[in-house]
């Protein structure tokens, strides 16, 4: 995503859009359902290392899509 977002850029995004955390607990409530659009930018904490910085990723596939990688390119 360095063609779109550069290292050091600041983002303002709503975390309530898809998942709302209950304060002082580890509970999460799905607010608006699943992601519906490809090319949408999402921010999330990695589930395997919650103490690391947030991940910023772009949606490339939706449920039911088949994603393949050939020679480093996503198809």
Protein backbone atom coordinates (compact mmCIF):
# COMPACT_ATOMS: atom_id res chain seq x y z
CA UNK A 1 0.00 0.00 0.00
CA UNK A 2 2.99 2.31 -0.16
CA UNK A 3 1.69 3.62 -3.50
CA UNK A 4 -1.36 4.96 -1.64
CA UNK A 5 -0.23 5.47 1.95
CA UNK A 6 3.31 6.46 2.79
CA UNK A 7 5.19 5.51 5.95
CA UNK A 8 4.51 8.21 8.52
CA UNK A 9 1.09 9.21 7.11
CA UNK A 10 -1.62 9.85 9.67
CA UNK A 11 -5.06 8.27 9.27
CA UNK A 12 -8.36 9.16 10.89
CA UNK A 13 -10.75 6.23 10.78
CA UNK A 14 -13.74 5.02 12.73
CA UNK A 15 -13.25 1.74 14.57
CA UNK A 16 -16.95 1.57 15.30
CA UNK A 17 -17.72 0.82 11.66
CA UNK A 18 -17.32 -2.94 11.96
CA UNK A 19 -16.34 -3.84 15.50
CA UNK A 20 -16.96 -2.05 18.79
CA UNK A 21 -15.02 -3.11 21.86
CA UNK A 22 -16.72 -3.12 25.24
CA UNK A 23 -14.63 -0.91 27.57
CA UNK A 24 -12.55 -2.68 30.24
CA UNK A 25 -13.28 -6.14 28.76
CA UNK A 26 -12.06 -8.29 25.88
CA UNK A 27 -15.57 -8.47 24.39
CA UNK A 28 -16.26 -7.17 20.89
CA UNK A 29 -19.62 -6.47 19.30
CA UNK A 30 -20.05 -6.50 15.53
CA UNK A 31 -21.62 -3.15 14.70
CA UNK A 32 -22.51 -3.09 10.99
CA UNK A 33 -21.79 -6.59 9.76
CA UNK A 34 -19.26 -7.87 7.30
CA UNK A 35 -17.05 -5.94 4.91
CA UNK A 36 -18.85 -5.60 1.58
CA UNK A 37 -16.47 -3.71 -0.73
CA UNK A 38 -13.17 -4.64 -2.33
CA UNK A 39 -10.40 -2.02 -2.24
CA UNK A 40 -11.69 -0.75 1.12
CA UNK A 41 -9.01 0.17 3.66
CA UNK A 42 -9.37 -1.54 7.03
CA UNK A 43 -7.44 -1.15 10.28
CA UNK A 44 -7.25 -3.93 12.86
CA UNK A 45 -5.11 -5.32 15.63
CA UNK A 46 -3.41 -8.60 14.68
CA UNK A 47 -5.01 -11.46 16.62
CA UNK A 48 -1.70 -13.25 17.23
CA UNK A 49 0.11 -10.23 18.76
CA UNK A 50 -2.27 -7.65 20.27
CA UNK A 51 0.61 -5.53 21.63
CA UNK A 52 1.93 -4.69 18.15
CA UNK A 53 0.82 -1.60 16.17
CA UNK A 54 -2.41 -1.74 14.18
CA UNK A 55 -2.36 -3.28 10.71
CA UNK A 56 -3.58 -1.19 7.77
CA UNK A 57 -4.67 -3.41 4.89
CA UNK A 58 -6.76 -3.22 1.72
CA UNK A 59 -9.57 -5.74 1.13
CA UNK A 60 -8.79 -7.89 -1.92
CA UNK A 61 -11.39 -10.62 -1.55
CA UNK A 62 -14.82 -11.23 -0.12
CA UNK A 63 -16.38 -14.46 1.13
CA UNK A 64 -16.80 -16.84 -1.79
CA UNK A 65 -13.93 -15.35 -3.84
CA UNK A 66 -10.99 -17.48 -4.93
CA UNK A 67 -7.63 -15.73 -4.56
CA UNK A 68 -4.47 -17.07 -6.16
CA UNK A 69 -0.89 -15.79 -6.19
CA UNK A 70 1.14 -16.41 -9.35
CA UNK A 71 4.70 -15.04 -9.67
CA UNK A 72 4.06 -12.54 -6.86
CA UNK A 73 0.83 -11.16 -8.39
CA UNK A 74 -2.61 -11.59 -6.84
CA UNK A 75 -5.32 -12.93 -9.17
